[in-house]
């Protein structure tokens, strides 16, 4: 039961930008799970979920905390490769050290950043396409945060 519920939680936060435990509890009830907020709170702790910025100053639950050990190498690649970032409407243009754009784009794709649709890479430039022009700044902030965390 617990394993199924936690798998459902992971599925829900990957599918929807869930901002609160109440919203998560409501969606679990819709899926047929009869549980309490205290149980959800324990599940969040056990799954090591964290809240990440999405859009309009909002935050949603994410698996980044759970995957922290795996993502350490990703953050390191980004911190060593990225030289600059600039927004252009719904696109984020990232300049990298020569020859590192494809590896950095692969990292960004693997990290499944909420709001980023995909990337295209050349030798030293990545074009990241966002779902809309309002989320670009949030994604840029999230990438900067990942880069800073790599330095710890």
C-alpha atoms as a PDB file:
ATOM      1  CA  UNK A   1       0.000   0.000   0.000  1.00  0.00           C
ATOM      2  CA  UNK A   2       2.747   2.459   1.017  1.00  0.00           C
ATOM      3  CA  UNK A   3       4.856   1.610  -2.042  1.00  0.00           C
ATOM      4  CA  UNK A   4       1.858   2.103  -4.364  1.00  0.00           C
ATOM      5  CA  UNK A   5       0.968   5.409  -2.709  1.00  0.00           C
ATOM      6  CA  UNK A   6       4.543   6.703  -2.972  1.00  0.00           C
ATOM      7  CA  UNK A   7       4.720   5.644  -6.621  1.00  0.00           C
ATOM      8  CA  UNK A   8       1.455   7.537  -7.192  1.00  0.00           C
ATOM      9  CA  UNK A   9       2.939  10.617  -5.487  1.00  0.00           C
ATOM     10  CA  UNK A  10       5.969  10.497  -7.789  1.00  0.00           C
ATOM     11  CA  UNK A  11       3.699  10.096 -10.815  1.00  0.00           C
ATOM     12  CA  UNK A  12       1.534  13.032  -9.732  1.00  0.00           C
ATOM     13  CA  UNK A  13       4.384  15.473  -9.096  1.00  0.00           C
ATOM     14  CA  UNK A  14       5.954  14.593 -12.431  1.00  0.00           C
ATOM     15  CA  UNK A  15       2.633  15.120 -14.221  1.00  0.00           C
ATOM     16  CA  UNK A  16       1.273  18.190 -12.376  1.00  0.00           C
ATOM     17  CA  UNK A  17       2.839  21.227 -10.690  1.00  0.00           C
ATOM     18  CA  UNK A  18       1.634  20.333  -7.172  1.00  0.00           C
ATOM     19  CA  UNK A  19       2.209  23.193  -4.765  1.00  0.00           C
ATOM     20  CA  UNK A  20       0.743  21.972  -1.453  1.00  0.00           C
ATOM     21  CA  UNK A  21       0.228  18.840   0.594  1.00  0.00           C
ATOM     22  CA  UNK A  22      -3.525  19.495   0.456  1.00  0.00           C
ATOM     23  CA  UNK A  23      -3.457  19.460  -3.349  1.00  0.00           C
ATOM     24  CA  UNK A  24      -1.422  16.247  -3.306  1.00  0.00           C
ATOM     25  CA  UNK A  25      -3.843  14.675  -0.830  1.00  0.00           C
ATOM     26  CA  UNK A  26      -6.810  15.665  -3.007  1.00  0.00           C
ATOM     27  CA  UNK A  27      -5.268  14.151  -6.140  1.00  0.00           C
ATOM     28  CA  UNK A  28      -4.421  10.945  -4.264  1.00  0.00           C
ATOM     29  CA  UNK A  29      -8.050  10.717  -3.091  1.00  0.00           C
ATOM     30  CA  UNK A  30      -9.150  11.086  -6.742  1.00  0.00           C
ATOM     31  CA  UNK A  31      -6.906   8.110  -7.544  1.00  0.00           C
ATOM     32  CA  UNK A  32      -8.581   6.047  -4.815  1.00  0.00           C
ATOM     33  CA  UNK A  33      -5.975   6.362  -2.055  1.00  0.00           C
ATOM     34  CA  UNK A  34      -7.579   6.970   1.342  1.00  0.00           C
ATOM     35  CA  UNK A  35      -4.840   8.611   3.389  1.00  0.00           C
ATOM     36  CA  UNK A  36      -4.191  11.520   5.743  1.00  0.00           C
ATOM     37  CA  UNK A  37      -2.093  14.653   5.510  1.00  0.00           C
ATOM     38  CA  UNK A  38       0.224  13.285   8.231  1.00  0.00           C
ATOM     39  CA  UNK A  39       0.906  10.235   6.054  1.00  0.00           C
ATOM     40  CA  UNK A  40       1.518  12.462   3.021  1.00  0.00           C
ATOM     41  CA  UNK A  41       3.949  14.540   5.074  1.00  0.00           C
ATOM     42  CA  UNK A  42       5.894  11.380   6.017  1.00  0.00           C
ATOM     43  CA  UNK A  43       5.881  10.239   2.385  1.00  0.00           C
ATOM     44  CA  UNK A  44       7.294  13.600   1.265  1.00  0.00           C
ATOM     45  CA  UNK A  45      10.081  13.274   3.833  1.00  0.00           C
ATOM     46  CA  UNK A  46      10.842   9.637   2.905  1.00  0.00           C
ATOM     47  CA  UNK A  47      10.873  10.406  -0.828  1.00  0.00           C
ATOM     48  CA  UNK A  48      13.080  13.431  -0.082  1.00  0.00           C
ATOM     49  CA  UNK A  49      10.916  15.691  -2.213  1.00  0.00           C
ATOM     50  CA  UNK A  50      11.806  19.356  -2.409  1.00  0.00           C
ATOM     51  CA  UNK A  51       9.991  22.393  -3.689  1.00  0.00           C
ATOM     52  CA  UNK A  52      11.405  24.092  -6.762  1.00  0.00           C
ATOM     53  CA  UNK A  53      10.387  27.382  -8.407  1.00  0.00           C
ATOM     54  CA  UNK A  54       7.962  27.016 -11.315  1.00  0.00           C
ATOM     55  CA  UNK A  55       6.336  30.200 -12.585  1.00  0.00           C
ATOM     56  CA  UNK A  56       4.844  33.419 -11.228  1.00  0.00           C
ATOM     57  CA  UNK A  57       6.759  32.989  -7.961  1.00  0.00           C
ATOM     58  CA  UNK A  58       5.078  29.654  -7.240  1.00  0.00           C
ATOM     59  CA  UNK A  59       6.809  26.465  -6.118  1.00  0.00           C
ATOM     60  CA  UNK A  60       5.991  22.802  -6.726  1.00  0.00           C
ATOM     61  CA  UNK A  61       7.210  19.490  -5.367  1.00  0.00           C
ATOM     62  CA  UNK A  62      10.100  17.877  -7.232  1.00  0.00           C
ATOM     63  CA  UNK A  63      12.258  14.751  -7.069  1.00  0.00           C
ATOM     64  CA  UNK A  64      15.489  16.761  -7.220  1.00  0.00           C
ATOM     65  CA  UNK A  65      16.196  16.159  -3.533  1.00  0.00           C
ATOM     66  CA  UNK A  66      15.737  12.418  -3.945  1.00  0.00           C
ATOM     67  CA  UNK A  67      18.078  12.328  -6.901  1.00  0.00           C
ATOM     68  CA  UNK A  68      20.672  14.607  -5.323  1.00  0.00           C
ATOM     69  CA  UNK A  69      23.529  12.101  -5.403  1.00  0.00           C
ATOM     70  CA  UNK A  70      22.941  11.339  -9.087  1.00  0.00           C
ATOM     71  CA  UNK A  71      22.504  14.990  -9.936  1.00  0.00           C
ATOM     72  CA  UNK A  72      25.763  16.095  -8.281  1.00  0.00           C
ATOM     73  CA  UNK A  73      27.726  15.152 -11.396  1.00  0.00           C
ATOM     74  CA  UNK A  74      25.165  16.945 -13.574  1.00  0.00           C
ATOM     75  CA  UNK A  75      25.439  20.149 -11.552  1.00  0.00           C
ATOM     76  CA  UNK A  76      29.204  19.972 -11.764  1.00  0.00           C
ATOM     77  CA  UNK A  77      29.103  19.695 -15.569  1.00  0.00           C
ATOM     78  CA  UNK A  78      26.822  22.732 -15.741  1.00  0.00           C
ATOM     79  CA  UNK A  79      28.940  24.798 -13.349  1.00  0.00           C
ATOM     80  CA  UNK A  80      32.121  24.073 -15.288  1.00  0.00           C
ATOM     81  CA  UNK A  81      30.648  24.410 -18.786  1.00  0.00           C
ATOM     82  CA  UNK A  82      28.198  27.329 -18.728  1.00  0.00           C
ATOM     83  CA  UNK A  83      29.671  30.747 -19.448  1.00  0.00           C
ATOM     84  CA  UNK A  84      26.484  32.842 -19.774  1.00  0.00           C
ATOM     85  CA  UNK A  85      22.698  32.705 -20.208  1.00  0.00           C
ATOM     86  CA  UNK A  86      20.310  35.101 -21.906  1.00  0.00           C
ATOM     87  CA  UNK A  87      16.535  35.041 -22.357  1.00  0.00           C
ATOM     88  CA  UNK A  88      14.828  35.709 -25.681  1.00  0.00           C
ATOM     89  CA  UNK A  89      11.035  35.381 -25.345  1.00  0.00           C
ATOM     90  CA  UNK A  90      10.377  31.664 -24.671  1.00  0.00           C
ATOM     91  CA  UNK A  91      13.977  30.628 -25.381  1.00  0.00           C
ATOM     92  CA  UNK A  92      16.978  30.539 -23.096  1.00  0.00           C
ATOM     93  CA  UNK A  93      20.275  30.827 -24.972  1.00  0.00           C
ATOM     94  CA  UNK A  94      23.180  29.336 -23.056  1.00  0.00           C
ATOM     95  CA  UNK A  95      26.824  29.890 -24.005  1.00  0.00           C
ATOM     96  CA  UNK A  96      29.281  27.210 -22.907  1.00  0.00           C
ATOM     97  CA  UNK A  97      32.970  26.492 -23.035  1.00  0.00           C
ATOM     98  CA  UNK A  98      33.824  25.329 -26.555  1.00  0.00           C
ATOM     99  CA  UNK A  99      32.841  21.693 -27.115  1.00  0.00           C
ATOM    100  CA  UNK A 100      30.637  21.453 -23.999  1.00  0.00           C
ATOM    101  CA  UNK A 101      27.230  22.471 -25.358  1.00  0.00           C
ATOM    102  CA  UNK A 102      26.061  18.969 -26.274  1.00  0.00           C
ATOM    103  CA  UNK A 103      27.033  17.488 -22.897  1.00  0.00           C
ATOM    104  CA  UNK A 104      25.396  20.398 -21.068  1.00  0.00           C
ATOM    105  CA  UNK A 105      22.219  20.094 -23.157  1.00  0.00           C
ATOM    106  CA  UNK A 106      22.073  16.372 -22.375  1.00  0.00           C
ATOM    107  CA  UNK A 107      22.349  17.201 -18.666  1.00  0.00           C
ATOM    108  CA  UNK A 108      19.564  19.802 -18.896  1.00  0.00           C
ATOM    109  CA  UNK A 109      17.331  17.312 -20.714  1.00  0.00           C
ATOM    110  CA  UNK A 110      18.070  14.585 -18.162  1.00  0.00           C
ATOM    111  CA  UNK A 111      17.236  16.884 -15.248  1.00  0.00           C
ATOM    112  CA  UNK A 112      13.704  17.370 -16.606  1.00  0.00           C
ATOM    113  CA  UNK A 113      13.412  20.980 -15.465  1.00  0.00           C
ATOM    114  CA  UNK A 114       9.758  21.937 -15.149  1.00  0.00           C
ATOM    115  CA  UNK A 115       8.752  24.275 -17.980  1.00  0.00           C
ATOM    116  CA  UNK A 116      11.638  23.425 -20.291  1.00  0.00           C
ATOM    117  CA  UNK A 117      10.412  21.581 -23.387  1.00  0.00           C
ATOM    118  CA  UNK A 118      13.806  20.639 -24.816  1.00  0.00           C
ATOM    119  CA  UNK A 119      17.212  21.725 -26.027  1.00  0.00           C
ATOM    120  CA  UNK A 120      19.221  22.031 -29.229  1.00  0.00           C
ATOM    121  CA  UNK A 121      23.015  22.217 -28.981  1.00  0.00           C
ATOM    122  CA  UNK A 122      25.889  23.209 -31.197  1.00  0.00           C
ATOM    123  CA  UNK A 123      29.545  23.420 -30.210  1.00  0.00           C
ATOM    124  CA  UNK A 124      29.309  26.216 -27.634  1.00  0.00           C
ATOM    125  CA  UNK A 125      25.646  27.284 -27.691  1.00  0.00           C
ATOM    126  CA  UNK A 126      22.440  25.703 -26.396  1.00  0.00           C
ATOM    127  CA  UNK A 127      18.932  26.844 -27.218  1.00  0.00           C
ATOM    128  CA  UNK A 128      16.444  25.804 -24.518  1.00  0.00           C
ATOM    129  CA  UNK A 129      12.783  26.095 -25.467  1.00  0.00           C
ATOM    130  CA  UNK A 130      10.310  26.950 -22.689  1.00  0.00           C
ATOM    131  CA  UNK A 131       6.583  26.229 -22.590  1.00  0.00           C
ATOM    132  CA  UNK A 132       5.920  29.958 -22.430  1.00  0.00           C
ATOM    133  CA  UNK A 133       7.849  33.212 -22.150  1.00  0.00           C
ATOM    134  CA  UNK A 134       6.935  33.690 -18.469  1.00  0.00           C
ATOM    135  CA  UNK A 135       8.800  30.619 -17.216  1.00  0.00           C
ATOM    136  CA  UNK A 136      12.212  31.414 -18.737  1.00  0.00           C
ATOM    137  CA  UNK A 137      13.444  33.513 -15.822  1.00  0.00           C
ATOM    138  CA  UNK A 138      12.415  30.784 -13.368  1.00  0.00           C
ATOM    139  CA  UNK A 139      14.306  28.135 -15.372  1.00  0.00           C
ATOM    140  CA  UNK A 140      17.352  30.388 -15.601  1.00  0.00           C
ATOM    141  CA  UNK A 141      17.281  30.886 -11.812  1.00  0.00           C
ATOM    142  CA  UNK A 142      16.979  27.120 -11.288  1.00  0.00           C
ATOM    143  CA  UNK A 143      20.008  26.442 -13.515  1.00  0.00           C
ATOM    144  CA  UNK A 144      22.019  29.113 -11.665  1.00  0.00           C
ATOM    145  CA  UNK A 145      21.005  27.540  -8.362  1.00  0.00           C
ATOM    146  CA  UNK A 146      22.165  24.096  -9.595  1.00  0.00           C
ATOM    147  CA  UNK A 147      25.493  25.568 -10.650  1.00  0.00           C
ATOM    148  CA  UNK A 148      26.032  27.215  -7.253  1.00  0.00           C
ATOM    149  CA  UNK A 149      25.098  23.985  -5.436  1.00  0.00           C
ATOM    150  CA  UNK A 150      27.816  22.162  -7.374  1.00  0.00           C
ATOM    151  CA  UNK A 151      30.423  24.378  -5.775  1.00  0.00           C
ATOM    152  CA  UNK A 152      29.523  23.199  -2.249  1.00  0.00           C
END
